[in-house]
Amino acid sequence: MLVMFLKRMMMAIPSLIGVVIVTFLLTRALPGDPAAYFAGPAATKEAIEQVRVQLGLDKPLIVQFGNYVRDLAHGDLGNCLTTGQPVSKEIKARLPVSTHNENVPSFRTMRMSPFGWG
């Protein structure tokens, strides 16, 4: 049982690496300049450049990817684009409601099912 579990975990590693690479590349391929977005519509070129340096967008793509992987490994998911709060804080605030909205209908379905608990 343990051997099978370890084999499955080893098989998941390439998928995880693929997801990390694809999400990094997709966020870089989005139209528009993220530095201009974060700086605001009335920002000067100097302010946009300062935001670009602050976000690390002035560095080569491979360095940006290394920083991205390092931050993910440390649990830093970045900041939410709409609120500016850390994403982990946003997830923590919304997870109880999401879990409740998912579990209650599932339990009701199992209870009413002839093969379930009821």
PDB file of N, CA and C in Angstrom:
ATOM      1  N   MET A   1       0.820  -1.197   0.000  1.00  0.00           N
ATOM      2  CA  MET A   1       0.000   0.000   0.000  1.00  0.00           C
ATOM      3  C   MET A   1       0.865   1.262   0.000  1.00  0.00           C
ATOM      4  N   LEU A   2       1.883   1.274   0.850  1.00  0.00           N
ATOM      5  CA  LEU A   2       2.774   2.415   0.928  1.00  0.00           C
ATOM      6  C   LEU A   2       3.564   2.570  -0.369  1.00  0.00           C
ATOM      7  N   VAL A   3       3.984   1.446  -0.946  1.00  0.00           N
ATOM      8  CA  VAL A   3       4.738   1.489  -2.201  1.00  0.00           C
ATOM      9  C   VAL A   3       3.871   2.071  -3.313  1.00  0.00           C
ATOM     10  N   MET A   4       2.608   1.674  -3.361  1.00  0.00           N
ATOM     11  CA  MET A   4       1.703   2.196  -4.378  1.00  0.00           C
ATOM     12  C   MET A   4       1.485   3.699  -4.203  1.00  0.00           C
ATOM     13  N   PHE A   5       1.336   4.118  -2.959  1.00  0.00           N
ATOM     14  CA  PHE A   5       1.175   5.539  -2.664  1.00  0.00           C
ATOM     15  C   PHE A   5       2.404   6.325  -3.127  1.00  0.00           C
ATOM     16  N   LEU A   6       3.580   5.827  -2.837  1.00  0.00           N
ATOM     17  CA  LEU A   6       4.808   6.514  -3.232  1.00  0.00           C
ATOM     18  C   LEU A   6       4.958   6.560  -4.752  1.00  0.00           C
ATOM     19  N   LYS A   7       4.561   5.479  -5.431  1.00  0.00           N
ATOM     20  CA  LYS A   7       4.611   5.479  -6.893  1.00  0.00           C
ATOM     21  C   LYS A   7       3.679   6.543  -7.458  1.00  0.00           C
ATOM     22  N   ARG A   8       2.490   6.635  -6.896  1.00  0.00           N
ATOM     23  CA  ARG A   8       1.530   7.658  -7.361  1.00  0.00           C
ATOM     24  C   ARG A   8       2.059   9.064  -7.119  1.00  0.00           C
ATOM     25  N   MET A   9       2.682   9.268  -5.992  1.00  0.00           N
ATOM     26  CA  MET A   9       3.240  10.587  -5.697  1.00  0.00           C
ATOM     27  C   MET A   9       4.369  10.921  -6.668  1.00  0.00           C
ATOM     28  N   MET A  10       5.187   9.938  -7.013  1.00  0.00           N
ATOM     29  CA  MET A  10       6.265  10.165  -7.972  1.00  0.00           C
ATOM     30  C   MET A  10       5.710  10.462  -9.366  1.00  0.00           C
ATOM     31  N   MET A  11       4.578   9.849  -9.706  1.00  0.00           N
ATOM     32  CA  MET A  11       3.957  10.100 -10.997  1.00  0.00           C
ATOM     33  C   MET A  11       3.321  11.489 -11.057  1.00  0.00           C
ATOM     34  N   ALA A  12       2.986  12.056  -9.902  1.00  0.00           N
ATOM     35  CA  ALA A  12       2.362  13.378  -9.861  1.00  0.00           C
ATOM     36  C   ALA A  12       3.387  14.499 -10.035  1.00  0.00           C
ATOM     37  N   ILE A  13       4.636  14.223  -9.791  1.00  0.00           N
ATOM     38  CA  ILE A  13       5.662  15.266  -9.862  1.00  0.00           C
ATOM     39  C   ILE A  13       5.768  15.882 -11.257  1.00  0.00           C
ATOM     40  N   PRO A  14       5.835  15.094 -12.345  1.00  0.00           N
ATOM     41  CA  PRO A  14       5.883  15.736 -13.669  1.00  0.00           C
ATOM     42  C   PRO A  14       4.648  16.595 -13.967  1.00  0.00           C
ATOM     43  N   SER A  15       3.492  16.164 -13.514  1.00  0.00           N
ATOM     44  CA  SER A  15       2.279  16.964 -13.720  1.00  0.00           C
ATOM     45  C   SER A  15       2.371  18.286 -12.970  1.00  0.00           C
ATOM     46  N   LEU A  16       2.859  18.239 -11.749  1.00  0.00           N
ATOM     47  CA  LEU A  16       3.011  19.449 -10.951  1.00  0.00           C
ATOM     48  C   LEU A  16       4.001  20.413 -11.601  1.00  0.00           C
ATOM     49  N   ILE A  17       5.102  19.872 -12.102  1.00  0.00           N
ATOM     50  CA  ILE A  17       6.089  20.713 -12.789  1.00  0.00           C
ATOM     51  C   ILE A  17       5.465  21.349 -14.026  1.00  0.00           C
ATOM     52  N   GLY A  18       4.692  20.565 -14.770  1.00  0.00           N
ATOM     53  CA  GLY A  18       4.017  21.096 -15.956  1.00  0.00           C
ATOM     54  C   GLY A  18       3.043  22.207 -15.622  1.00  0.00           C
ATOM     55  N   VAL A  19       2.279  22.039 -14.555  1.00  0.00           N
ATOM     56  CA  VAL A  19       1.312  23.064 -14.150  1.00  0.00           C
ATOM     57  C   VAL A  19       2.032  24.346 -13.753  1.00  0.00           C
ATOM     58  N   VAL A  20       3.132  24.228 -13.040  1.00  0.00           N
ATOM     59  CA  VAL A  20       3.886  25.414 -12.623  1.00  0.00           C
ATOM     60  C   VAL A  20       4.420  26.158 -13.849  1.00  0.00           C
ATOM     61  N   ILE A  21       4.977  25.422 -14.807  1.00  0.00           N
ATOM     62  CA  ILE A  21       5.524  26.054 -16.007  1.00  0.00           C
ATOM     63  C   ILE A  21       4.417  26.727 -16.822  1.00  0.00           C
ATOM     64  N   VAL A  22       3.309  26.032 -17.015  1.00  0.00           N
ATOM     65  CA  VAL A  22       2.213  26.591 -17.814  1.00  0.00           C
ATOM     66  C   VAL A  22       1.620  27.832 -17.148  1.00  0.00           C
ATOM     67  N   THR A  23       1.397  27.791 -15.845  1.00  0.00           N
ATOM     68  CA  THR A  23       0.824  28.973 -15.180  1.00  0.00           C
ATOM     69  C   THR A  23       1.778  30.157 -15.241  1.00  0.00           C
ATOM     70  N   PHE A  24       3.071  29.897 -15.096  1.00  0.00           N
ATOM     71  CA  PHE A  24       4.042  30.996 -15.202  1.00  0.00           C
ATOM     72  C   PHE A  24       3.998  31.609 -16.591  1.00  0.00           C
ATOM     73  N   LEU A  25       4.045  30.767 -17.622  1.00  0.00           N
ATOM     74  CA  LEU A  25       4.068  31.281 -18.990  1.00  0.00           C
ATOM     75  C   LEU A  25       2.758  31.966 -19.373  1.00  0.00           C
ATOM     76  N   LEU A  26       1.630  31.445 -18.899  1.00  0.00           N
ATOM     77  CA  LEU A  26       0.347  32.082 -19.213  1.00  0.00           C
ATOM     78  C   LEU A  26       0.234  33.467 -18.581  1.00  0.00           C
ATOM     79  N   THR A  27       0.729  33.606 -17.362  1.00  0.00           N
ATOM     80  CA  THR A  27       0.651  34.929 -16.731  1.00  0.00           C
ATOM     81  C   THR A  27       1.557  35.929 -17.430  1.00  0.00           C
ATOM     82  N   ARG A  28       2.642  35.447 -18.024  1.00  0.00           N
ATOM     83  CA  ARG A  28       3.534  36.346 -18.761  1.00  0.00           C
ATOM     84  C   ARG A  28       3.000  36.651 -20.160  1.00  0.00           C
ATOM     85  N   ALA A  29       2.125  35.808 -20.681  1.00  0.00           N
ATOM     86  CA  ALA A  29       1.611  35.982 -22.038  1.00  0.00           C
ATOM     87  C   ALA A  29       0.347  36.848 -22.086  1.00  0.00           C
ATOM     88  N   LEU A  30      -0.191  37.215 -20.936  1.00  0.00           N
ATOM     89  CA  LEU A  30      -1.389  38.035 -20.916  1.00  0.00           C
ATOM     90  C   LEU A  30      -1.122  39.392 -21.563  1.00  0.00           C
ATOM     91  N   PRO A  31      -2.114  39.945 -22.263  1.00  0.00           N
ATOM     92  CA  PRO A  31      -1.900  41.249 -22.885  1.00  0.00           C
ATOM     93  C   PRO A  31      -1.814  42.365 -21.840  1.00  0.00           C
ATOM     94  N   GLY A  32      -1.079  43.383 -22.170  1.00  0.00           N
ATOM     95  CA  GLY A  32      -0.950  44.519 -21.261  1.00  0.00           C
ATOM     96  C   GLY A  32       0.284  44.399 -20.395  1.00  0.00           C
ATOM     97  N   ASP A  33       0.638  45.484 -19.788  1.00  0.00           N
ATOM     98  CA  ASP A  33       1.814  45.554 -18.923  1.00  0.00           C
ATOM     99  C   ASP A  33       1.361  45.467 -17.464  1.00  0.00           C
ATOM    100  N   PRO A  34       1.765  44.428 -16.733  1.00  0.00           N
ATOM    101  CA  PRO A  34       1.348  44.323 -15.330  1.00  0.00           C
ATOM    102  C   PRO A  34       1.835  45.502 -14.487  1.00  0.00           C
ATOM    103  N   ALA A  35       3.005  46.026 -14.812  1.00  0.00           N
ATOM    104  CA  ALA A  35       3.517  47.169 -14.050  1.00  0.00           C
ATOM    105  C   ALA A  35       2.624  48.386 -14.239  1.00  0.00           C
ATOM    106  N   ALA A  36       2.150  48.601 -15.458  1.00  0.00           N
ATOM    107  CA  ALA A  36       1.245  49.732 -15.705  1.00  0.00           C
ATOM    108  C   ALA A  36      -0.086  49.515 -14.992  1.00  0.00           C
ATOM    109  N   TYR A  37      -0.541  48.274 -14.921  1.00  0.00           N
ATOM    110  CA  TYR A  37      -1.798  47.975 -14.221  1.00  0.00           C
ATOM    111  C   TYR A  37      -1.668  48.299 -12.737  1.00  0.00           C
ATOM    112  N   PHE A  38      -0.581  47.827 -12.130  1.00  0.00           N
ATOM    113  CA  PHE A  38      -0.401  48.054 -10.690  1.00  0.00           C
ATOM    114  C   PHE A  38      -0.092  49.512 -10.368  1.00  0.00           C
ATOM    115  N   ALA A  39       0.554  50.205 -11.278  1.00  0.00           N
ATOM    116  CA  ALA A  39       0.896  51.601 -11.023  1.00  0.00           C
ATOM    117  C   ALA A  39      -0.320  52.508 -11.116  1.00  0.00           C
ATOM    118  N   GLY A  40      -1.318  52.097 -11.883  1.00  0.00           N
ATOM    119  CA  GLY A  40      -2.531  52.900 -12.000  1.00  0.00           C
ATOM    120  C   GLY A  40      -2.577  53.658 -13.307  1.00  0.00           C
ATOM    121  N   PRO A  41      -3.768  54.152 -13.663  1.00  0.00           N
ATOM    122  CA  PRO A  41      -3.933  54.811 -14.963  1.00  0.00           C
ATOM    123  C   PRO A  41      -3.227  56.165 -15.072  1.00  0.00           C
ATOM    124  N   ALA A  42      -3.011  56.843 -13.971  1.00  0.00           N
ATOM    125  CA  ALA A  42      -2.401  58.174 -14.017  1.00  0.00           C
ATOM    126  C   ALA A  42      -0.911  58.133 -13.694  1.00  0.00           C
ATOM    127  N   ALA A  43      -0.293  56.964 -13.754  1.00  0.00           N
ATOM    128  CA  ALA A  43       1.111  56.828 -13.366  1.00  0.00           C
ATOM    129  C   ALA A  43       2.036  57.365 -14.449  1.00  0.00           C
ATOM    130  N   THR A  44       3.142  57.897 -13.996  1.00  0.00           N
ATOM    131  CA  THR A  44       4.165  58.367 -14.923  1.00  0.00           C
ATOM    132  C   THR A  44       5.034  57.189 -15.355  1.00  0.00           C
ATOM    133  N   LYS A  45       5.861  57.420 -16.375  1.00  0.00           N
ATOM    134  CA  LYS A  45       6.758  56.349 -16.839  1.00  0.00           C
ATOM    135  C   LYS A  45       7.735  55.938 -15.745  1.00  0.00           C
ATOM    136  N   GLU A  46       8.163  56.895 -14.943  1.00  0.00           N
ATOM    137  CA  GLU A  46       9.087  56.579 -13.840  1.00  0.00           C
ATOM    138  C   GLU A  46       8.400  55.704 -12.803  1.00  0.00           C
ATOM    139  N   ALA A  47       7.142  56.001 -12.494  1.00  0.00           N
ATOM    140  CA  ALA A  47       6.404  55.191 -11.524  1.00  0.00           C
ATOM    141  C   ALA A  47       6.188  53.783 -12.045  1.00  0.00           C
ATOM    142  N   ILE A  48       5.886  53.656 -13.339  1.00  0.00           N
ATOM    143  CA  ILE A  48       5.701  52.326 -13.928  1.00  0.00           C
ATOM    144  C   ILE A  48       7.003  51.545 -13.888  1.00  0.00           C
ATOM    145  N   GLU A  49       8.110  52.215 -14.164  1.00  0.00           N
ATOM    146  CA  GLU A  49       9.412  51.540 -14.117  1.00  0.00           C
ATOM    147  C   GLU A  49       9.752  51.117 -12.689  1.00  0.00           C
ATOM    148  N   GLN A  50       9.396  51.933 -11.716  1.00  0.00           N
ATOM    149  CA  GLN A  50       9.644  51.584 -10.314  1.00  0.00           C
ATOM    150  C   GLN A  50       8.830  50.348  -9.922  1.00  0.00           C
ATOM    151  N   VAL A  51       7.581  50.274 -10.358  1.00  0.00           N
ATOM    152  CA  VAL A  51       6.739  49.102 -10.080  1.00  0.00           C
ATOM    153  C   VAL A  51       7.314  47.874 -10.788  1.00  0.00           C
ATOM    154  N   ARG A  52       7.808  48.053 -12.005  1.00  0.00           N
ATOM    155  CA  ARG A  52       8.404  46.955 -12.758  1.00  0.00           C
ATOM    156  C   ARG A  52       9.604  46.380 -11.994  1.00  0.00           C
ATOM    157  N   VAL A  53      10.431  47.245 -11.439  1.00  0.00           N
ATOM    158  CA  VAL A  53      11.583  46.793 -10.656  1.00  0.00           C
ATOM    159  C   VAL A  53      11.103  46.114  -9.368  1.00  0.00           C
ATOM    160  N   GLN A  54      10.095  46.694  -8.727  1.00  0.00           N
ATOM    161  CA  GLN A  54       9.567  46.128  -7.483  1.00  0.00           C
ATOM    162  C   GLN A  54       8.988  44.733  -7.703  1.00  0.00           C
ATOM    163  N   LEU A  55       8.335  44.515  -8.838  1.00  0.00           N
ATOM    164  CA  LEU A  55       7.752  43.210  -9.139  1.00  0.00           C
ATOM    165  C   LEU A  55       8.768  42.233  -9.725  1.00  0.00           C
ATOM    166  N   GLY A  56       9.950  42.715 -10.060  1.00  0.00           N
ATOM    167  CA  GLY A  56      10.975  41.859 -10.637  1.00  0.00           C
ATOM    168  C   GLY A  56      10.797  41.614 -12.115  1.00  0.00           C
ATOM    169  N   LEU A  57       9.982  42.435 -12.774  1.00  0.00           N
ATOM    170  CA  LEU A  57       9.722  42.250 -14.201  1.00  0.00           C
ATOM    171  C   LEU A  57      10.850  42.779 -15.078  1.00  0.00           C
ATOM    172  N   ASP A  58      11.826  43.452 -14.476  1.00  0.00           N
ATOM    173  CA  ASP A  58      12.960  43.955 -15.231  1.00  0.00           C
ATOM    174  C   ASP A  58      14.044  42.896 -15.411  1.00  0.00           C
ATOM    175  N   LYS A  59      13.896  41.764 -14.738  1.00  0.00           N
ATOM    176  CA  LYS A  59      14.891  40.694 -14.793  1.00  0.00           C
ATOM    177  C   LYS A  59      14.594  39.742 -15.950  1.00  0.00           C
ATOM    178  N   PRO A  60      15.599  38.953 -16.362  1.00  0.00           N
ATOM    179  CA  PRO A  60      15.357  37.976 -17.433  1.00  0.00           C
ATOM    180  C   PRO A  60      14.277  36.969 -17.035  1.00  0.00           C
ATOM    181  N   LEU A  61      13.645  36.369 -18.033  1.00  0.00           N
ATOM    182  CA  LEU A  61      12.532  35.448 -17.806  1.00  0.00           C
ATOM    183  C   LEU A  61      12.935  34.256 -16.935  1.00  0.00           C
ATOM    184  N   ILE A  62      14.126  33.730 -17.132  1.00  0.00           N
ATOM    185  CA  ILE A  62      14.563  32.571 -16.346  1.00  0.00           C
ATOM    186  C   ILE A  62      14.730  32.938 -14.867  1.00  0.00           C
ATOM    187  N   VAL A  63      15.192  34.160 -14.600  1.00  0.00           N
ATOM    188  CA  VAL A  63      15.322  34.628 -13.211  1.00  0.00           C
ATOM    189  C   VAL A  63      13.933  34.821 -12.611  1.00  0.00           C
ATOM    190  N   GLN A  64      12.998  35.372 -13.392  1.00  0.00           N
ATOM    191  CA  GLN A  64      11.623  35.521 -12.920  1.00  0.00           C
ATOM    192  C   GLN A  64      11.027  34.159 -12.584  1.00  0.00           C
ATOM    193  N   PHE A  65      11.288  33.152 -13.422  1.00  0.00           N
ATOM    194  CA  PHE A  65      10.765  31.808 -13.171  1.00  0.00           C
ATOM    195  C   PHE A  65      11.370  31.220 -11.903  1.00  0.00           C
ATOM    196  N   GLY A  66      12.664  31.410 -11.709  1.00  0.00           N
ATOM    197  CA  GLY A  66      13.304  30.930 -10.476  1.00  0.00           C
ATOM    198  C   GLY A  66      12.697  31.572  -9.238  1.00  0.00           C
ATOM    199  N   ASN A  67      12.445  32.874  -9.305  1.00  0.00           N
ATOM    200  CA  ASN A  67      11.811  33.570  -8.181  1.00  0.00           C
ATOM    201  C   ASN A  67      10.391  33.057  -7.956  1.00  0.00           C
ATOM    202  N   TYR A  68       9.675  32.791  -9.053  1.00  0.00           N
ATOM    203  CA  TYR A  68       8.304  32.271  -8.985  1.00  0.00           C
ATOM    204  C   TYR A  68       8.275  30.916  -8.278  1.00  0.00           C
ATOM    205  N   VAL A  69       9.172  30.027  -8.673  1.00  0.00           N
ATOM    206  CA  VAL A  69       9.232  28.694  -8.061  1.00  0.00           C
ATOM    207  C   VAL A  69       9.645  28.796  -6.595  1.00  0.00           C
ATOM    208  N   ARG A  70      10.613  29.654  -6.300  1.00  0.00           N
ATOM    209  CA  ARG A  70      11.051  29.839  -4.912  1.00  0.00           C
ATOM    210  C   ARG A  70       9.901  30.333  -4.039  1.00  0.00           C
ATOM    211  N   ASP A  71       9.166  31.327  -4.542  1.00  0.00           N
ATOM    212  CA  ASP A  71       8.038  31.864  -3.774  1.00  0.00           C
ATOM    213  C   ASP A  71       6.956  30.808  -3.566  1.00  0.00           C
ATOM    214  N   LEU A  72       6.668  30.017  -4.611  1.00  0.00           N
ATOM    215  CA  LEU A  72       5.683  28.941  -4.464  1.00  0.00           C
ATOM    216  C   LEU A  72       6.130  27.921  -3.424  1.00  0.00           C
ATOM    217  N   ALA A  73       7.417  27.580  -3.436  1.00  0.00           N
ATOM    218  CA  ALA A  73       7.941  26.605  -2.480  1.00  0.00           C
ATOM    219  C   ALA A  73       7.838  27.116  -1.044  1.00  0.00           C
ATOM    220  N   HIS A  74       7.892  28.429  -0.873  1.00  0.00           N
ATOM    221  CA  HIS A  74       7.759  29.005   0.465  1.00  0.00           C
ATOM    222  C   HIS A  74       6.314  29.334   0.834  1.00  0.00           C
ATOM    223  N   GLY A  75       5.372  29.035  -0.067  1.00  0.00           N
ATOM    224  CA  GLY A  75       3.965  29.279   0.223  1.00  0.00           C
ATOM    225  C   GLY A  75       3.505  30.685  -0.091  1.00  0.00           C
ATOM    226  N   ASP A  76       4.340  31.479  -0.748  1.00  0.00           N
ATOM    227  CA  ASP A  76       3.966  32.835  -1.113  1.00  0.00           C
ATOM    228  C   ASP A  76       3.258  32.784  -2.467  1.00  0.00           C
ATOM    229  N   LEU A  77       1.944  32.982  -2.459  1.00  0.00           N
ATOM    230  CA  LEU A  77       1.155  32.910  -3.685  1.00  0.00           C
ATOM    231  C   LEU A  77       0.960  34.269  -4.339  1.00  0.00           C
ATOM    232  N   GLY A  78       1.597  35.288  -3.802  1.00  0.00           N
ATOM    233  CA  GLY A  78       1.485  36.622  -4.382  1.00  0.00           C
ATOM    234  C   GLY A  78       0.323  37.401  -3.805  1.00  0.00           C
ATOM    235  N   ASN A  79      -0.028  38.477  -4.483  1.00  0.00           N
ATOM    236  CA  ASN A  79      -1.119  39.347  -4.041  1.00  0.00           C
ATOM    237  C   ASN A  79      -2.283  39.263  -5.011  1.00  0.00           C
ATOM    238  N   CYS A  80      -3.480  39.402  -4.478  1.00  0.00           N
ATOM    239  CA  CYS A  80      -4.697  39.395  -5.284  1.00  0.00           C
ATOM    240  C   CYS A  80      -4.740  40.654  -6.140  1.00  0.00           C
ATOM    241  N   LEU A  81      -5.107  40.507  -7.403  1.00  0.00           N
ATOM    242  CA  LEU A  81      -5.152  41.659  -8.302  1.00  0.00           C
ATOM    243  C   LEU A  81      -6.261  42.633  -7.948  1.00  0.00           C
ATOM    244  N   THR A  82      -7.363  42.126  -7.389  1.00  0.00           N
ATOM    245  CA  THR A  82      -8.497  43.009  -7.119  1.00  0.00           C
ATOM    246  C   THR A  82      -8.403  43.695  -5.761  1.00  0.00           C
ATOM    247  N   THR A  83      -7.926  42.993  -4.741  1.00  0.00           N
ATOM    248  CA  THR A  83      -7.891  43.576  -3.402  1.00  0.00           C
ATOM    249  C   THR A  83      -6.502  44.010  -2.963  1.00  0.00           C
ATOM    250  N   GLY A  84      -5.463  43.451  -3.574  1.00  0.00           N
ATOM    251  CA  GLY A  84      -4.101  43.772  -3.164  1.00  0.00           C
ATOM    252  C   GLY A  84      -3.638  43.004  -1.941  1.00  0.00           C
ATOM    253  N   GLN A  85      -4.519  42.198  -1.358  1.00  0.00           N
ATOM    254  CA  GLN A  85      -4.180  41.396  -0.192  1.00  0.00           C
ATOM    255  C   GLN A  85      -3.423  40.138  -0.623  1.00  0.00           C
ATOM    256  N   PRO A  86      -2.665  39.517   0.285  1.00  0.00           N
ATOM    257  CA  PRO A  86      -2.022  38.248  -0.058  1.00  0.00           C
ATOM    258  C   PRO A  86      -3.064  37.189  -0.429  1.00  0.00           C
ATOM    259  N   VAL A  87      -2.763  36.394  -1.452  1.00  0.00           N
ATOM    260  CA  VAL A  87      -3.697  35.377  -1.924  1.00  0.00           C
ATOM    261  C   VAL A  87      -3.979  34.352  -0.830  1.00  0.00           C
ATOM    262  N   SER A  88      -2.973  33.999  -0.039  1.00  0.00           N
ATOM    263  CA  SER A  88      -3.203  33.023   1.034  1.00  0.00           C
ATOM    264  C   SER A  88      -4.225  33.547   2.043  1.00  0.00           C
ATOM    265  N   LYS A  89      -4.213  34.851   2.306  1.00  0.00           N
ATOM    266  CA  LYS A  89      -5.194  35.443   3.209  1.00  0.00           C
ATOM    267  C   LYS A  89      -6.593  35.397   2.589  1.00  0.00           C
ATOM    268  N   GLU A  90      -6.679  35.653   1.281  1.00  0.00           N
ATOM    269  CA  GLU A  90      -7.968  35.582   0.578  1.00  0.00           C
ATOM    270  C   GLU A  90      -8.522  34.156   0.597  1.00  0.00           C
ATOM    271  N   ILE A  91      -7.666  33.181   0.368  1.00  0.00           N
ATOM    272  CA  ILE A  91      -8.102  31.775   0.394  1.00  0.00           C
ATOM    273  C   ILE A  91      -8.587  31.412   1.789  1.00  0.00           C
ATOM    274  N   LYS A  92      -7.835  31.820   2.801  1.00  0.00           N
ATOM    275  CA  LYS A  92      -8.211  31.507   4.178  1.00  0.00           C
ATOM    276  C   LYS A  92      -9.567  32.114   4.541  1.00  0.00           C
ATOM    277  N   ALA A  93      -9.863  33.287   4.011  1.00  0.00           N
ATOM    278  CA  ALA A  93     -11.134  33.944   4.307  1.00  0.00           C
ATOM    279  C   ALA A  93     -12.298  33.281   3.581  1.00  0.00           C
ATOM    280  N   ARG A  94     -12.050  32.748   2.384  1.00  0.00           N
ATOM    281  CA  ARG A  94     -13.135  32.192   1.580  1.00  0.00           C
ATOM    282  C   ARG A  94     -13.288  30.683   1.694  1.00  0.00           C
ATOM    283  N   LEU A  95     -12.301  29.994   2.213  1.00  0.00           N
ATOM    284  CA  LEU A  95     -12.340  28.535   2.255  1.00  0.00           C
ATOM    285  C   LEU A  95     -13.482  27.970   3.102  1.00  0.00           C
ATOM    286  N   PRO A  96     -13.788  28.511   4.272  1.00  0.00           N
ATOM    287  CA  PRO A  96     -14.891  27.931   5.049  1.00  0.00           C
ATOM    288  C   PRO A  96     -16.232  27.964   4.306  1.00  0.00           C
ATOM    289  N   VAL A  97     -16.524  29.053   3.638  1.00  0.00           N
ATOM    290  CA  VAL A  97     -17.787  29.152   2.907  1.00  0.00           C
ATOM    291  C   VAL A  97     -17.787  28.189   1.730  1.00  0.00           C
ATOM    292  N   SER A  98     -16.678  28.116   1.014  1.00  0.00           N
ATOM    293  CA  SER A  98     -16.588  27.199  -0.130  1.00  0.00           C
ATOM    294  C   SER A  98     -16.740  25.749   0.318  1.00  0.00           C
ATOM    295  N   THR A  99     -16.093  25.400   1.405  1.00  0.00           N
ATOM    296  CA  THR A  99     -16.192  24.032   1.922  1.00  0.00           C
ATOM    297  C   THR A  99     -17.621  23.728   2.337  1.00  0.00           C
ATOM    298  N   HIS A 100     -18.264  24.661   3.004  1.00  0.00           N
ATOM    299  CA  HIS A 100     -19.649  24.457   3.426  1.00  0.00           C
ATOM    300  C   HIS A 100     -20.551  24.286   2.205  1.00  0.00           C
ATOM    301  N   ASN A 101     -20.387  25.164   1.208  1.00  0.00           N
ATOM    302  CA  ASN A 101     -21.227  25.091   0.014  1.00  0.00           C
ATOM    303  C   ASN A 101     -20.999  23.813  -0.785  1.00  0.00           C
ATOM    304  N   GLU A 102     -19.868  23.197  -0.605  1.00  0.00           N
ATOM    305  CA  GLU A 102     -19.581  21.944  -1.301  1.00  0.00           C
ATOM    306  C   GLU A 102     -20.067  20.742  -0.502  1.00  0.00           C
ATOM    307  N   ASN A 103     -19.862  20.763   0.807  1.00  0.00           N
ATOM    308  CA  ASN A 103     -20.150  19.580   1.626  1.00  0.00           C
ATOM    309  C   ASN A 103     -21.628  19.384   1.926  1.00  0.00           C
ATOM    310  N   VAL A 104     -22.365  20.444   2.176  1.00  0.00           N
ATOM    311  CA  VAL A 104     -23.780  20.298   2.534  1.00  0.00           C
ATOM    312  C   VAL A 104     -24.568  19.598   1.436  1.00  0.00           C
ATOM    313  N   PRO A 105     -24.489  20.016   0.182  1.00  0.00           N
ATOM    314  CA  PRO A 105     -25.236  19.287  -0.858  1.00  0.00           C
ATOM    315  C   PRO A 105     -24.750  17.849  -1.029  1.00  0.00           C
ATOM    316  N   SER A 106     -23.447  17.628  -0.846  1.00  0.00           N
ATOM    317  CA  SER A 106     -22.935  16.257  -0.969  1.00  0.00           C
ATOM    318  C   SER A 106     -23.521  15.364   0.110  1.00  0.00           C
ATOM    319  N   PHE A 107     -23.560  15.841   1.333  1.00  0.00           N
ATOM    320  CA  PHE A 107     -24.123  15.041   2.422  1.00  0.00           C
ATOM    321  C   PHE A 107     -25.619  14.803   2.218  1.00  0.00           C
ATOM    322  N   ARG A 108     -26.326  15.818   1.735  1.00  0.00           N
ATOM    323  CA  ARG A 108     -27.758  15.638   1.462  1.00  0.00           C
ATOM    324  C   ARG A 108     -27.972  14.590   0.380  1.00  0.00           C
ATOM    325  N   THR A 109     -27.162  14.635  -0.652  1.00  0.00           N
ATOM    326  CA  THR A 109     -27.282  13.659  -1.734  1.00  0.00           C
ATOM    327  C   THR A 109     -27.000  12.252  -1.222  1.00  0.00           C
ATOM    328  N   MET A 110     -25.973  12.091  -0.412  1.00  0.00           N
ATOM    329  CA  MET A 110     -25.662  10.771   0.123  1.00  0.00           C
ATOM    330  C   MET A 110     -26.773  10.275   1.040  1.00  0.00           C
ATOM    331  N   ARG A 111     -27.368  11.164   1.783  1.00  0.00           N
ATOM    332  CA  ARG A 111     -28.406  10.772   2.704  1.00  0.00           C
ATOM    333  C   ARG A 111     -29.661  10.303   1.964  1.00  0.00           C
ATOM    334  N   MET A 112     -29.977  10.957   0.844  1.00  0.00           N
ATOM    335  CA  MET A 112     -31.170  10.603   0.078  1.00  0.00           C
ATOM    336  C   MET A 112     -30.911   9.422  -0.855  1.00  0.00           C
ATOM    337  N   SER A 113     -29.684   9.119  -1.125  1.00  0.00           N
ATOM    338  CA  SER A 113     -29.363   8.048  -2.051  1.00  0.00           C
ATOM    339  C   SER A 113     -29.642   6.675  -1.427  1.00  0.00           C
ATOM    340  N   PRO A 114     -30.167   5.729  -2.203  1.00  0.00           N
ATOM    341  CA  PRO A 114     -30.387   4.387  -1.653  1.00  0.00           C
ATOM    342  C   PRO A 114     -29.078   3.683  -1.329  1.00  0.00           C
ATOM    343  N   PHE A 115     -27.965   4.151  -1.886  1.00  0.00           N
ATOM    344  CA  PHE A 115     -26.682   3.529  -1.616  1.00  0.00           C
ATOM    345  C   PHE A 115     -25.868   4.315  -0.614  1.00  0.00           C
ATOM    346  N   GLY A 116     -26.409   5.416  -0.128  1.00  0.00           N
ATOM    347  CA  GLY A 116     -25.682   6.293   0.780  1.00  0.00           C
ATOM    348  C   GLY A 116     -25.888   5.926   2.239  1.00  0.00           C
ATOM    349  N   TRP A 117     -25.919   6.929   3.102  1.00  0.00           N
ATOM    350  CA  TRP A 117     -26.006   6.712   4.532  1.00  0.00           C
ATOM    351  C   TRP A 117     -27.435   6.548   5.033  1.00  0.00           C
ATOM    352  N   GLY A 118     -28.410   6.988   4.271  1.00  0.00           N
ATOM    353  CA  GLY A 118     -29.743   7.069   4.797  1.00  0.00           C
ATOM    354  C   GLY A 118     -30.590   5.945   4.415  1.00  0.00           C
TER     355      GLY A 118
END
